Amino acid sequence: MEKRRWTARWAAKSLSTILITLALSLAANSASAAVIERVVAVVNDRAILMTELRQRARPHLLEIQAKMPTEAQRAAAESEVLRQMLHRMIDELLEAQAAAKMRVRVDAGEVEKAIVQLARSQDMSVTQLLAEVAKSGMTPLEYRAEIRRQLLEAKLLDERLKRQVRVTEDDMRNLFERIRREERRSLAYAPQWIVVQIPADADAAERSRRRAYADWLSEQGRSGKDFAELARRYSDDTATKQRGGSLGMRRPGELEAVIERVAFALDIGEVSAPFRFADAFVVMRIQEREPSRLGSFENARDQLANRVYSEKLETVKRRWLDNLKRSVHIDIRL
């Protein structure tokens, strides 16, 4: 009888020990899970987990691992990628919640149709397209989810925002001019200059006289006088004056930033106002520039209209999302 009681007590004690050990193990596992499943943001009652964030950012993270040479660079780049992706995921959640309220949906057939069209646009089969996607670290399921998000956003914008966007002729011409200026930064150019030296011991009055002299030279060039002849007669730069102030054909990045800033703003044959460079005032003219690859405004009209439309729509979308954020609870913990 005593032996049976002892055996029962031992069994109870052993069971208690097992339960305590199990509880401690579960607590440890729970603590570990809490670290792994860290909440990086909450949108209303929807949490975004670190594992979700890293999964969405995986293609970018893999690229960083392959390209960044040092651990410090990788860490900085990963931090920025995760920050940007988190804000994108917050925007997507807001859009999804708005779409649910408006009963805007995307079904599986629409996703598959979009993938077929994307494959055709790149002269691929769907299998080939998905194989290319896989190289970036994205599974077919993840790719379809991304296409679904894009289609949902497009439907939502069409339903809610597109009527607010209007493209004008001035919008297109301003964009064309902006693209043209941007392109100049990649084209070779041939500058000429006239240099008006400022003596090292010049006082304020002398510097003012030298500036007035440079102003006069600029006016002469702008009035149609032969710029090369002006340089040969008046420039203080002995290295270039006999060449009519020519600096030769230059690639962007070869000359100092202050010179290139002026050069990129000038059309061929245009003469600049005087600007200060080192210990001199300089007047510049662009003699030649590598031909533009843009083509004419008329030929680019459709592409310009599409780009203006996209840029304006993005501005409207950003404003709409910012307004949505003011009306919901968002807690970012990254």
C-alpha atoms as a PDB file:
ATOM      1  CA  MET A   1       0.000   0.000   0.000  1.00  0.00           C
ATOM      2  CA  GLU A   2       2.803   2.399   1.019  1.00  0.00           C
ATOM      3  CA  LYS A   3       4.696   1.447  -2.097  1.00  0.00           C
ATOM      4  CA  ARG A   4       1.700   2.261  -4.280  1.00  0.00           C
ATOM      5  CA  ARG A   5       1.326   5.699  -2.587  1.00  0.00           C
ATOM      6  CA  TRP A   6       5.054   6.392  -3.173  1.00  0.00           C
ATOM      7  CA  THR A   7       4.768   5.375  -6.788  1.00  0.00           C
ATOM      8  CA  ALA A   8       1.746   7.666  -7.224  1.00  0.00           C
ATOM      9  CA  ARG A   9       3.592  10.559  -5.587  1.00  0.00           C
ATOM     10  CA  TRP A  10       6.629   9.933  -7.861  1.00  0.00           C
ATOM     11  CA  ALA A  11       4.435   9.818 -10.928  1.00  0.00           C
ATOM     12  CA  ALA A  12       2.680  13.071  -9.933  1.00  0.00           C
ATOM     13  CA  LYS A  13       6.021  14.710  -9.249  1.00  0.00           C
ATOM     14  CA  SER A  14       7.407  13.472 -12.597  1.00  0.00           C
ATOM     15  CA  LEU A  15       4.316  14.715 -14.392  1.00  0.00           C
ATOM     16  CA  SER A  16       4.648  18.081 -12.667  1.00  0.00           C
ATOM     17  CA  THR A  17       8.300  18.269 -13.716  1.00  0.00           C
ATOM     18  CA  ILE A  18       7.381  17.388 -17.289  1.00  0.00           C
ATOM     19  CA  LEU A  19       4.634  20.033 -17.347  1.00  0.00           C
ATOM     20  CA  ILE A  20       6.962  22.692 -15.932  1.00  0.00           C
ATOM     21  CA  THR A  21       9.651  21.782 -18.452  1.00  0.00           C
ATOM     22  CA  LEU A  22       7.084  21.859 -21.241  1.00  0.00           C
ATOM     23  CA  ALA A  23       5.764  25.229 -20.065  1.00  0.00           C
ATOM     24  CA  LEU A  24       9.281  26.666 -19.946  1.00  0.00           C
ATOM     25  CA  SER A  25       9.975  25.276 -23.397  1.00  0.00           C
ATOM     26  CA  LEU A  26       6.778  26.794 -24.760  1.00  0.00           C
ATOM     27  CA  ALA A  27       7.618  30.104 -23.116  1.00  0.00           C
ATOM     28  CA  ALA A  28      11.071  30.024 -24.671  1.00  0.00           C
ATOM     29  CA  ASN A  29       9.615  29.157 -28.050  1.00  0.00           C
ATOM     30  CA  SER A  30       7.023  31.879 -27.629  1.00  0.00           C
ATOM     31  CA  ALA A  31       9.740  34.416 -26.819  1.00  0.00           C
ATOM     32  CA  SER A  32      11.678  33.247 -29.868  1.00  0.00           C
ATOM     33  CA  ALA A  33       8.560  33.545 -32.017  1.00  0.00           C
ATOM     34  CA  ALA A  34       7.967  37.031 -30.701  1.00  0.00           C
ATOM     35  CA  VAL A  35      11.388  38.036 -31.942  1.00  0.00           C
ATOM     36  CA  ILE A  36      10.900  36.368 -35.325  1.00  0.00           C
ATOM     37  CA  GLU A  37       7.338  37.664 -35.753  1.00  0.00           C
ATOM     38  CA  ARG A  38       8.141  41.237 -34.831  1.00  0.00           C
ATOM     39  CA  VAL A  39       5.353  43.692 -35.658  1.00  0.00           C
ATOM     40  CA  VAL A  40       6.822  46.509 -37.756  1.00  0.00           C
ATOM     41  CA  ALA A  41       3.589  48.434 -38.341  1.00  0.00           C
ATOM     42  CA  VAL A  42      -0.120  48.405 -37.544  1.00  0.00           C
ATOM     43  CA  VAL A  43      -2.729  49.829 -39.935  1.00  0.00           C
ATOM     44  CA  ASN A  44      -6.089  50.030 -38.157  1.00  0.00           C
ATOM     45  CA  ASP A  45      -6.332  46.499 -36.757  1.00  0.00           C
ATOM     46  CA  ARG A  46      -3.998  44.868 -39.328  1.00  0.00           C
ATOM     47  CA  ALA A  47      -0.410  44.157 -38.259  1.00  0.00           C
ATOM     48  CA  ILE A  48       2.496  43.964 -40.701  1.00  0.00           C
ATOM     49  CA  LEU A  49       5.137  41.477 -39.535  1.00  0.00           C
ATOM     50  CA  MET A  50       8.874  41.607 -40.130  1.00  0.00           C
ATOM     51  CA  THR A  51       8.709  38.236 -41.893  1.00  0.00           C
ATOM     52  CA  GLU A  52       6.090  39.621 -44.310  1.00  0.00           C
ATOM     53  CA  LEU A  53       8.176  42.717 -44.913  1.00  0.00           C
ATOM     54  CA  ARG A  54      11.375  40.773 -45.593  1.00  0.00           C
ATOM     55  CA  GLN A  55       9.483  38.381 -47.866  1.00  0.00           C
ATOM     56  CA  ARG A  56       8.141  41.272 -49.981  1.00  0.00           C
ATOM     57  CA  ALA A  57      11.566  42.898 -50.091  1.00  0.00           C
ATOM     58  CA  ARG A  58      13.408  39.643 -50.826  1.00  0.00           C
ATOM     59  CA  PRO A  59      14.301  40.329 -54.500  1.00  0.00           C
ATOM     60  CA  HIS A  60      15.811  43.678 -53.488  1.00  0.00           C
ATOM     61  CA  LEU A  61      17.605  42.154 -50.491  1.00  0.00           C
ATOM     62  CA  LEU A  62      19.127  39.432 -52.694  1.00  0.00           C
ATOM     63  CA  GLU A  63      20.344  42.105 -55.108  1.00  0.00           C
ATOM     64  CA  ILE A  64      21.930  44.043 -52.243  1.00  0.00           C
ATOM     65  CA  GLN A  65      23.703  40.912 -50.999  1.00  0.00           C
ATOM     66  CA  ALA A  66      25.096  40.318 -54.486  1.00  0.00           C
ATOM     67  CA  LYS A  67      26.208  43.882 -55.209  1.00  0.00           C
ATOM     68  CA  MET A  68      27.229  45.582 -51.967  1.00  0.00           C
ATOM     69  CA  PRO A  69      30.878  44.799 -51.092  1.00  0.00           C
ATOM     70  CA  THR A  70      30.913  45.553 -47.344  1.00  0.00           C
ATOM     71  CA  GLU A  71      28.699  44.589 -44.422  1.00  0.00           C
ATOM     72  CA  ALA A  72      28.159  48.249 -43.483  1.00  0.00           C
ATOM     73  CA  GLN A  73      26.981  49.102 -47.011  1.00  0.00           C
ATOM     74  CA  ARG A  74      24.685  46.080 -47.080  1.00  0.00           C
ATOM     75  CA  ALA A  75      23.177  46.978 -43.701  1.00  0.00           C
ATOM     76  CA  ALA A  76      22.533  50.591 -44.750  1.00  0.00           C
ATOM     77  CA  ALA A  77      21.030  49.562 -48.094  1.00  0.00           C
ATOM     78  CA  GLU A  78      18.833  46.863 -46.500  1.00  0.00           C
ATOM     79  CA  SER A  79      17.556  49.322 -43.909  1.00  0.00           C
ATOM     80  CA  GLU A  80      16.525  51.783 -46.634  1.00  0.00           C
ATOM     81  CA  VAL A  81      14.902  49.064 -48.773  1.00  0.00           C
ATOM     82  CA  LEU A  82      12.893  47.778 -45.803  1.00  0.00           C
ATOM     83  CA  ARG A  83      11.816  51.302 -44.889  1.00  0.00           C
ATOM     84  CA  GLN A  84      10.612  52.012 -48.440  1.00  0.00           C
ATOM     85  CA  MET A  85       8.891  48.638 -48.751  1.00  0.00           C
ATOM     86  CA  LEU A  86       7.114  49.105 -45.420  1.00  0.00           C
ATOM     87  CA  HIS A  87       5.650  52.423 -46.552  1.00  0.00           C
ATOM     88  CA  ARG A  88       4.597  50.792 -49.816  1.00  0.00           C
ATOM     89  CA  MET A  89       2.872  47.964 -47.915  1.00  0.00           C
ATOM     90  CA  ILE A  90       1.056  50.512 -45.735  1.00  0.00           C
ATOM     91  CA  ASP A  91      -0.170  52.282 -48.872  1.00  0.00           C
ATOM     92  CA  GLU A  92      -1.326  48.955 -50.306  1.00  0.00           C
ATOM     93  CA  LEU A  93      -3.242  48.106 -47.143  1.00  0.00           C
ATOM     94  CA  LEU A  94      -4.998  51.476 -47.250  1.00  0.00           C
ATOM     95  CA  GLU A  95      -5.860  50.903 -50.914  1.00  0.00           C
ATOM     96  CA  ALA A  96      -7.118  47.379 -50.183  1.00  0.00           C
ATOM     97  CA  GLN A  97      -9.306  48.643 -47.337  1.00  0.00           C
ATOM     98  CA  ALA A  98     -10.683  51.437 -49.543  1.00  0.00           C
ATOM     99  CA  ALA A  99     -11.313  48.939 -52.368  1.00  0.00           C
ATOM    100  CA  ALA A 100     -13.223  46.648 -49.996  1.00  0.00           C
ATOM    101  CA  LYS A 101     -15.480  49.534 -48.976  1.00  0.00           C
ATOM    102  CA  MET A 102     -16.082  50.415 -52.628  1.00  0.00           C
ATOM    103  CA  ARG A 103     -16.531  46.733 -53.573  1.00  0.00           C
ATOM    104  CA  VAL A 104     -13.707  46.924 -56.103  1.00  0.00           C
ATOM    105  CA  ARG A 105     -12.279  43.443 -56.754  1.00  0.00           C
ATOM    106  CA  VAL A 106      -9.794  41.624 -58.987  1.00  0.00           C
ATOM    107  CA  ASP A 107     -10.499  37.975 -59.776  1.00  0.00           C
ATOM    108  CA  ALA A 108      -8.041  35.223 -60.732  1.00  0.00           C
ATOM    109  CA  GLY A 109      -9.019  35.406 -64.398  1.00  0.00           C
ATOM    110  CA  GLU A 110      -8.023  39.054 -64.597  1.00  0.00           C
ATOM    111  CA  VAL A 111      -4.640  38.255 -63.047  1.00  0.00           C
ATOM    112  CA  GLU A 112      -3.974  35.465 -65.535  1.00  0.00           C
ATOM    113  CA  LYS A 113      -5.041  37.646 -68.460  1.00  0.00           C
ATOM    114  CA  ALA A 114      -2.655  40.392 -67.339  1.00  0.00           C
ATOM    115  CA  ILE A 115       0.220  37.915 -67.064  1.00  0.00           C
ATOM    116  CA  VAL A 116      -0.469  36.592 -70.590  1.00  0.00           C
ATOM    117  CA  GLN A 117      -0.426  40.179 -71.913  1.00  0.00           C
ATOM    118  CA  LEU A 118       2.821  40.952 -70.083  1.00  0.00           C
ATOM    119  CA  ALA A 119       4.435  37.828 -71.515  1.00  0.00           C
ATOM    120  CA  ARG A 120       3.321  38.720 -75.061  1.00  0.00           C
ATOM    121  CA  SER A 121       4.612  42.278 -74.708  1.00  0.00           C
ATOM    122  CA  GLN A 122       8.071  40.815 -74.036  1.00  0.00           C
ATOM    123  CA  ASP A 123       7.850  38.097 -76.704  1.00  0.00           C
ATOM    124  CA  MET A 124       7.786  35.342 -74.090  1.00  0.00           C
ATOM    125  CA  SER A 125       5.546  32.538 -73.063  1.00  0.00           C
ATOM    126  CA  VAL A 126       4.012  32.673 -69.583  1.00  0.00           C
ATOM    127  CA  THR A 127       6.369  29.875 -68.525  1.00  0.00           C
ATOM    128  CA  GLN A 128       9.380  31.869 -69.707  1.00  0.00           C
ATOM    129  CA  LEU A 129       8.124  35.010 -67.962  1.00  0.00           C
ATOM    130  CA  LEU A 130       7.656  33.187 -64.662  1.00  0.00           C
ATOM    131  CA  ALA A 131      11.122  31.662 -65.040  1.00  0.00           C
ATOM    132  CA  GLU A 132      12.593  35.154 -65.425  1.00  0.00           C
ATOM    133  CA  VAL A 133      10.629  36.341 -62.404  1.00  0.00           C
ATOM    134  CA  ALA A 134      11.983  33.412 -60.380  1.00  0.00           C
ATOM    135  CA  LYS A 135      15.543  34.598 -61.059  1.00  0.00           C
ATOM    136  CA  SER A 136      14.773  37.725 -59.048  1.00  0.00           C
ATOM    137  CA  GLY A 137      13.781  35.632 -56.040  1.00  0.00           C
ATOM    138  CA  MET A 138       9.995  35.885 -56.489  1.00  0.00           C
ATOM    139  CA  THR A 139       7.794  32.790 -56.632  1.00  0.00           C
ATOM    140  CA  PRO A 140       4.905  32.496 -59.151  1.00  0.00           C
ATOM    141  CA  LEU A 141       2.448  32.865 -56.255  1.00  0.00           C
ATOM    142  CA  GLU A 142       4.152  36.063 -55.072  1.00  0.00           C
ATOM    143  CA  TYR A 143       4.249  37.398 -58.629  1.00  0.00           C
ATOM    144  CA  ARG A 144       0.529  36.800 -59.080  1.00  0.00           C
ATOM    145  CA  ALA A 145      -0.115  38.579 -55.772  1.00  0.00           C
ATOM    146  CA  GLU A 146       1.925  41.545 -57.019  1.00  0.00           C
ATOM    147  CA  ILE A 147      -0.017  41.650 -60.308  1.00  0.00           C
ATOM    148  CA  ARG A 148      -3.268  41.486 -58.346  1.00  0.00           C
ATOM    149  CA  ARG A 149      -2.182  44.468 -56.218  1.00  0.00           C
ATOM    150  CA  GLN A 150      -1.299  46.478 -59.323  1.00  0.00           C
ATOM    151  CA  LEU A 151      -4.618  45.671 -61.013  1.00  0.00           C
ATOM    152  CA  LEU A 152      -6.543  46.543 -57.864  1.00  0.00           C
ATOM    153  CA  GLU A 153      -4.767  49.884 -57.616  1.00  0.00           C
ATOM    154  CA  ALA A 154      -5.466  50.608 -61.301  1.00  0.00           C
ATOM    155  CA  LYS A 155      -9.178  49.842 -60.832  1.00  0.00           C
ATOM    156  CA  LEU A 156      -9.332  51.899 -57.671  1.00  0.00           C
ATOM    157  CA  LEU A 157      -7.644  54.887 -59.293  1.00  0.00           C
ATOM    158  CA  ASP A 158      -9.922  54.589 -62.315  1.00  0.00           C
ATOM    159  CA  GLU A 159     -12.965  54.529 -60.047  1.00  0.00           C
ATOM    160  CA  ARG A 160     -11.909  57.259 -57.657  1.00  0.00           C
ATOM    161  CA  LEU A 161      -9.208  59.560 -59.038  1.00  0.00           C
ATOM    162  CA  LYS A 162      -8.787  59.595 -62.825  1.00  0.00           C
ATOM    163  CA  ARG A 163     -11.492  62.210 -63.336  1.00  0.00           C
ATOM    164  CA  GLN A 164      -9.297  64.636 -61.374  1.00  0.00           C
ATOM    165  CA  VAL A 165      -6.444  64.414 -63.920  1.00  0.00           C
ATOM    166  CA  ARG A 166      -6.291  66.683 -66.984  1.00  0.00           C
ATOM    167  CA  VAL A 167      -3.384  66.846 -69.466  1.00  0.00           C
ATOM    168  CA  THR A 168      -2.793  70.144 -71.314  1.00  0.00           C
ATOM    169  CA  GLU A 169      -0.570  71.175 -74.222  1.00  0.00           C
ATOM    170  CA  ASP A 170       1.531  73.273 -71.841  1.00  0.00           C
ATOM    171  CA  ASP A 171       2.012  70.249 -69.581  1.00  0.00           C
ATOM    172  CA  MET A 172       3.414  68.219 -72.485  1.00  0.00           C
ATOM    173  CA  ARG A 173       5.684  71.006 -73.756  1.00  0.00           C
ATOM    174  CA  ASN A 174       7.041  71.662 -70.263  1.00  0.00           C
ATOM    175  CA  LEU A 175       7.786  67.957 -69.848  1.00  0.00           C
ATOM    176  CA  PHE A 176       9.495  67.815 -73.248  1.00  0.00           C
ATOM    177  CA  GLU A 177      11.699  70.759 -72.280  1.00  0.00           C
ATOM    178  CA  ARG A 178      12.510  69.116 -68.954  1.00  0.00           C
ATOM    179  CA  ILE A 179      13.494  65.858 -70.671  1.00  0.00           C
ATOM    180  CA  ARG A 180      15.587  67.791 -73.175  1.00  0.00           C
ATOM    181  CA  ARG A 181      17.476  69.545 -70.377  1.00  0.00           C
ATOM    182  CA  GLU A 182      18.014  66.249 -68.580  1.00  0.00           C
ATOM    183  CA  GLU A 183      19.314  64.626 -71.772  1.00  0.00           C
ATOM    184  CA  ARG A 184      21.914  67.375 -72.197  1.00  0.00           C
ATOM    185  CA  ARG A 185      23.696  66.064 -69.116  1.00  0.00           C
ATOM    186  CA  SER A 186      24.624  62.935 -71.076  1.00  0.00           C
ATOM    187  CA  LEU A 187      25.624  64.577 -74.388  1.00  0.00           C
ATOM    188  CA  ALA A 188      29.114  65.706 -75.429  1.00  0.00           C
ATOM    189  CA  TYR A 189      29.462  69.447 -76.067  1.00  0.00           C
ATOM    190  CA  ALA A 190      32.016  71.974 -77.330  1.00  0.00           C
ATOM    191  CA  PRO A 191      32.245  75.115 -75.166  1.00  0.00           C
ATOM    192  CA  GLN A 192      34.095  78.340 -75.899  1.00  0.00           C
ATOM    193  CA  TRP A 193      34.981  80.875 -73.253  1.00  0.00           C
ATOM    194  CA  ILE A 194      36.367  84.325 -72.688  1.00  0.00           C
ATOM    195  CA  VAL A 195      38.228  84.690 -69.403  1.00  0.00           C
ATOM    196  CA  VAL A 196      38.529  88.052 -67.655  1.00  0.00           C
ATOM    197  CA  GLN A 197      41.206  87.648 -65.005  1.00  0.00           C
ATOM    198  CA  ILE A 198      40.825  89.330 -61.584  1.00  0.00           C
ATOM    199  CA  PRO A 199      44.245  90.453 -60.272  1.00  0.00           C
ATOM    200  CA  ALA A 200      45.194  88.907 -56.944  1.00  0.00           C
ATOM    201  CA  ASP A 201      45.605  92.371 -55.369  1.00  0.00           C
ATOM    202  CA  ALA A 202      42.406  93.814 -56.877  1.00  0.00           C
ATOM    203  CA  ASP A 203      40.293  95.931 -54.577  1.00  0.00           C
ATOM    204  CA  ALA A 204      36.493  96.132 -54.709  1.00  0.00           C
ATOM    205  CA  ALA A 205      36.543  98.915 -57.296  1.00  0.00           C
ATOM    206  CA  GLU A 206      38.857  96.938 -59.596  1.00  0.00           C
ATOM    207  CA  ARG A 207      36.736  93.787 -59.255  1.00  0.00           C
ATOM    208  CA  SER A 208      33.685  95.860 -60.186  1.00  0.00           C
ATOM    209  CA  ARG A 209      35.490  97.197 -63.282  1.00  0.00           C
ATOM    210  CA  ARG A 210      36.480  93.670 -64.323  1.00  0.00           C
ATOM    211  CA  ARG A 211      32.872  92.528 -63.902  1.00  0.00           C
ATOM    212  CA  ALA A 212      31.626  95.438 -66.038  1.00  0.00           C
ATOM    213  CA  TYR A 213      34.179  94.475 -68.682  1.00  0.00           C
ATOM    214  CA  ALA A 214      32.903  90.890 -68.664  1.00  0.00           C
ATOM    215  CA  ASP A 215      29.322  92.205 -68.951  1.00  0.00           C
ATOM    216  CA  TRP A 216      30.336  94.207 -72.029  1.00  0.00           C
ATOM    217  CA  LEU A 217      31.944  91.131 -73.638  1.00  0.00           C
ATOM    218  CA  SER A 218      28.798  89.090 -72.977  1.00  0.00           C
ATOM    219  CA  GLU A 219      26.656  91.799 -74.592  1.00  0.00           C
ATOM    220  CA  GLN A 220      28.964  91.840 -77.616  1.00  0.00           C
ATOM    221  CA  GLY A 221      28.643  88.088 -78.016  1.00  0.00           C
ATOM    222  CA  ARG A 222      24.887  88.173 -77.592  1.00  0.00           C
ATOM    223  CA  SER A 223      24.539  90.949 -80.153  1.00  0.00           C
ATOM    224  CA  GLY A 224      26.002  88.695 -82.862  1.00  0.00           C
ATOM    225  CA  LYS A 225      29.709  89.605 -82.774  1.00  0.00           C
ATOM    226  CA  ASP A 226      32.086  86.758 -83.667  1.00  0.00           C
ATOM    227  CA  PHE A 227      32.689  85.061 -80.313  1.00  0.00           C
ATOM    228  CA  ALA A 228      35.943  83.436 -81.431  1.00  0.00           C
ATOM    229  CA  GLU A 229      37.287  86.819 -82.512  1.00  0.00           C
ATOM    230  CA  LEU A 230      36.261  88.357 -79.184  1.00  0.00           C
ATOM    231  CA  ALA A 231      38.132  85.591 -77.385  1.00  0.00           C
ATOM    232  CA  ARG A 232      41.268  86.057 -79.479  1.00  0.00           C
ATOM    233  CA  ARG A 233      41.269  89.803 -78.789  1.00  0.00           C
ATOM    234  CA  TYR A 234      40.121  90.041 -75.194  1.00  0.00           C
ATOM    235  CA  SER A 235      40.462  86.734 -73.309  1.00  0.00           C
ATOM    236  CA  ASP A 236      43.125  86.499 -70.582  1.00  0.00           C
ATOM    237  CA  ASP A 237      43.383  82.708 -70.932  1.00  0.00           C
ATOM    238  CA  THR A 238      46.558  82.221 -72.981  1.00  0.00           C
ATOM    239  CA  ALA A 239      45.915  78.473 -73.400  1.00  0.00           C
ATOM    240  CA  THR A 240      42.703  78.957 -75.402  1.00  0.00           C
ATOM    241  CA  LYS A 241      42.560  82.534 -76.766  1.00  0.00           C
ATOM    242  CA  GLN A 242      44.328  81.718 -80.041  1.00  0.00           C
ATOM    243  CA  ARG A 243      41.790  78.919 -80.593  1.00  0.00           C
ATOM    244  CA  GLY A 244      38.942  81.403 -80.237  1.00  0.00           C
ATOM    245  CA  GLY A 245      38.345  80.321 -76.643  1.00  0.00           C
ATOM    246  CA  SER A 246      37.617  76.726 -77.688  1.00  0.00           C
ATOM    247  CA  LEU A 247      37.877  74.072 -74.965  1.00  0.00           C
ATOM    248  CA  GLY A 248      37.361  71.270 -77.480  1.00  0.00           C
ATOM    249  CA  MET A 249      34.704  68.557 -77.422  1.00  0.00           C
ATOM    250  CA  ARG A 250      33.952  67.556 -73.823  1.00  0.00           C
ATOM    251  CA  ARG A 251      32.056  64.726 -72.177  1.00  0.00           C
ATOM    252  CA  PRO A 252      29.888  65.532 -69.146  1.00  0.00           C
ATOM    253  CA  GLY A 253      31.971  65.342 -65.981  1.00  0.00           C
ATOM    254  CA  GLU A 254      35.253  66.438 -67.564  1.00  0.00           C
ATOM    255  CA  LEU A 255      35.028  70.095 -66.529  1.00  0.00           C
ATOM    256  CA  GLU A 256      34.321  71.723 -63.180  1.00  0.00           C
ATOM    257  CA  ALA A 257      30.731  71.672 -61.944  1.00  0.00           C
ATOM    258  CA  VAL A 258      30.252  75.448 -62.151  1.00  0.00           C
ATOM    259  CA  ILE A 259      31.255  75.425 -65.835  1.00  0.00           C
ATOM    260  CA  GLU A 260      29.021  72.463 -66.679  1.00  0.00           C
ATOM    261  CA  ARG A 261      26.060  73.984 -64.866  1.00  0.00           C
ATOM    262  CA  VAL A 262      26.236  76.997 -67.194  1.00  0.00           C
ATOM    263  CA  ALA A 263      27.009  74.883 -70.273  1.00  0.00           C
ATOM    264  CA  PHE A 264      24.020  72.563 -69.786  1.00  0.00           C
ATOM    265  CA  ALA A 265      21.672  75.568 -69.603  1.00  0.00           C
ATOM    266  CA  LEU A 266      22.823  77.047 -72.952  1.00  0.00           C
ATOM    267  CA  ASP A 267      21.497  76.245 -76.412  1.00  0.00           C
ATOM    268  CA  ILE A 268      23.931  75.969 -79.326  1.00  0.00           C
ATOM    269  CA  GLY A 269      25.184  79.461 -80.215  1.00  0.00           C
ATOM    270  CA  GLU A 270      23.848  81.015 -77.012  1.00  0.00           C
ATOM    271  CA  VAL A 271      26.191  83.214 -74.951  1.00  0.00           C
ATOM    272  CA  SER A 272      26.036  83.230 -71.156  1.00  0.00           C
ATOM    273  CA  ALA A 273      26.029  86.088 -68.692  1.00  0.00           C
ATOM    274  CA  PRO A 274      29.375  86.412 -66.881  1.00  0.00           C
ATOM    275  CA  PHE A 275      29.889  84.007 -63.985  1.00  0.00           C
ATOM    276  CA  ARG A 276      32.639  83.727 -61.395  1.00  0.00           C
ATOM    277  CA  PHE A 277      35.117  80.878 -61.788  1.00  0.00           C
ATOM    278  CA  ALA A 278      38.219  80.722 -59.567  1.00  0.00           C
ATOM    279  CA  ASP A 279      39.972  84.108 -59.861  1.00  0.00           C
ATOM    280  CA  ALA A 280      38.179  85.247 -63.032  1.00  0.00           C
ATOM    281  CA  PHE A 281      34.903  86.211 -64.633  1.00  0.00           C
ATOM    282  CA  VAL A 282      33.949  83.908 -67.513  1.00  0.00           C
ATOM    283  CA  VAL A 283      31.633  84.335 -70.501  1.00  0.00           C
ATOM    284  CA  MET A 284      30.723  81.068 -72.248  1.00  0.00           C
ATOM    285  CA  ARG A 285      29.200  80.004 -75.552  1.00  0.00           C
ATOM    286  CA  ILE A 286      28.235  76.531 -76.783  1.00  0.00           C
ATOM    287  CA  GLN A 287      29.747  75.969 -80.205  1.00  0.00           C
ATOM    288  CA  GLU A 288      28.439  72.451 -80.797  1.00  0.00           C
ATOM    289  CA  ARG A 289      26.553  69.683 -79.027  1.00  0.00           C
ATOM    290  CA  GLU A 290      26.065  65.977 -79.725  1.00  0.00           C
ATOM    291  CA  PRO A 291      22.689  65.533 -81.489  1.00  0.00           C
ATOM    292  CA  SER A 292      19.639  64.837 -79.336  1.00  0.00           C
ATOM    293  CA  ARG A 293      18.072  61.401 -79.580  1.00  0.00           C
ATOM    294  CA  LEU A 294      14.651  62.651 -78.490  1.00  0.00           C
ATOM    295  CA  GLY A 295      13.175  63.452 -81.873  1.00  0.00           C
ATOM    296  CA  SER A 296      10.526  66.127 -82.325  1.00  0.00           C
ATOM    297  CA  PHE A 297       7.815  67.161 -79.911  1.00  0.00           C
ATOM    298  CA  GLU A 298       5.107  66.109 -82.372  1.00  0.00           C
ATOM    299  CA  ASN A 299       6.533  62.618 -82.765  1.00  0.00           C
ATOM    300  CA  ALA A 300       6.741  62.220 -78.983  1.00  0.00           C
ATOM    301  CA  ARG A 301       3.301  63.678 -78.257  1.00  0.00           C
ATOM    302  CA  ASP A 302       1.597  60.394 -77.282  1.00  0.00           C
ATOM    303  CA  GLN A 303       4.448  59.305 -74.980  1.00  0.00           C
ATOM    304  CA  LEU A 304       4.540  62.769 -73.415  1.00  0.00           C
ATOM    305  CA  ALA A 305       0.785  62.712 -72.787  1.00  0.00           C
ATOM    306  CA  ASN A 306       1.052  59.295 -71.120  1.00  0.00           C
ATOM    307  CA  ARG A 307       3.940  60.405 -68.913  1.00  0.00           C
ATOM    308  CA  VAL A 308       2.238  63.670 -67.887  1.00  0.00           C
ATOM    309  CA  TYR A 309      -0.901  61.693 -67.109  1.00  0.00           C
ATOM    310  CA  SER A 310       1.040  59.167 -64.994  1.00  0.00           C
ATOM    311  CA  GLU A 311       2.885  61.889 -63.075  1.00  0.00           C
ATOM    312  CA  LYS A 312      -0.313  63.833 -62.362  1.00  0.00           C
ATOM    313  CA  LEU A 313      -2.148  60.671 -61.357  1.00  0.00           C
ATOM    314  CA  GLU A 314       0.671  59.787 -58.953  1.00  0.00           C
ATOM    315  CA  THR A 315       0.400  63.262 -57.373  1.00  0.00           C
ATOM    316  CA  VAL A 316      -3.363  62.895 -56.969  1.00  0.00           C
ATOM    317  CA  LYS A 317      -2.941  59.376 -55.569  1.00  0.00           C
ATOM    318  CA  ARG A 318      -0.323  60.575 -53.071  1.00  0.00           C
ATOM    319  CA  ARG A 319      -2.628  63.344 -51.866  1.00  0.00           C
ATOM    320  CA  TRP A 320      -5.528  60.889 -51.540  1.00  0.00           C
ATOM    321  CA  LEU A 321      -3.415  58.401 -49.546  1.00  0.00           C
ATOM    322  CA  ASP A 322      -2.109  61.163 -47.286  1.00  0.00           C
ATOM    323  CA  ASN A 323      -5.716  62.131 -46.535  1.00  0.00           C
ATOM    324  CA  LEU A 324      -6.581  58.492 -45.821  1.00  0.00           C
ATOM    325  CA  LYS A 325      -3.667  58.235 -43.387  1.00  0.00           C
ATOM    326  CA  ARG A 326      -5.061  61.101 -41.354  1.00  0.00           C
ATOM    327  CA  SER A 327      -8.313  59.189 -40.806  1.00  0.00           C
ATOM    328  CA  VAL A 328      -6.870  55.797 -39.769  1.00  0.00           C
ATOM    329  CA  HIS A 329      -4.624  54.502 -37.023  1.00  0.00           C
ATOM    330  CA  ILE A 330      -1.087  53.855 -38.267  1.00  0.00           C
ATOM    331  CA  ASP A 331       1.686  52.802 -35.909  1.00  0.00           C
ATOM    332  CA  ILE A 332       5.117  52.349 -37.540  1.00  0.00           C
ATOM    333  CA  ARG A 333       7.581  50.434 -35.357  1.00  0.00           C
ATOM    334  CA  LEU A 334      10.512  49.833 -37.711  1.00  0.00           C
END
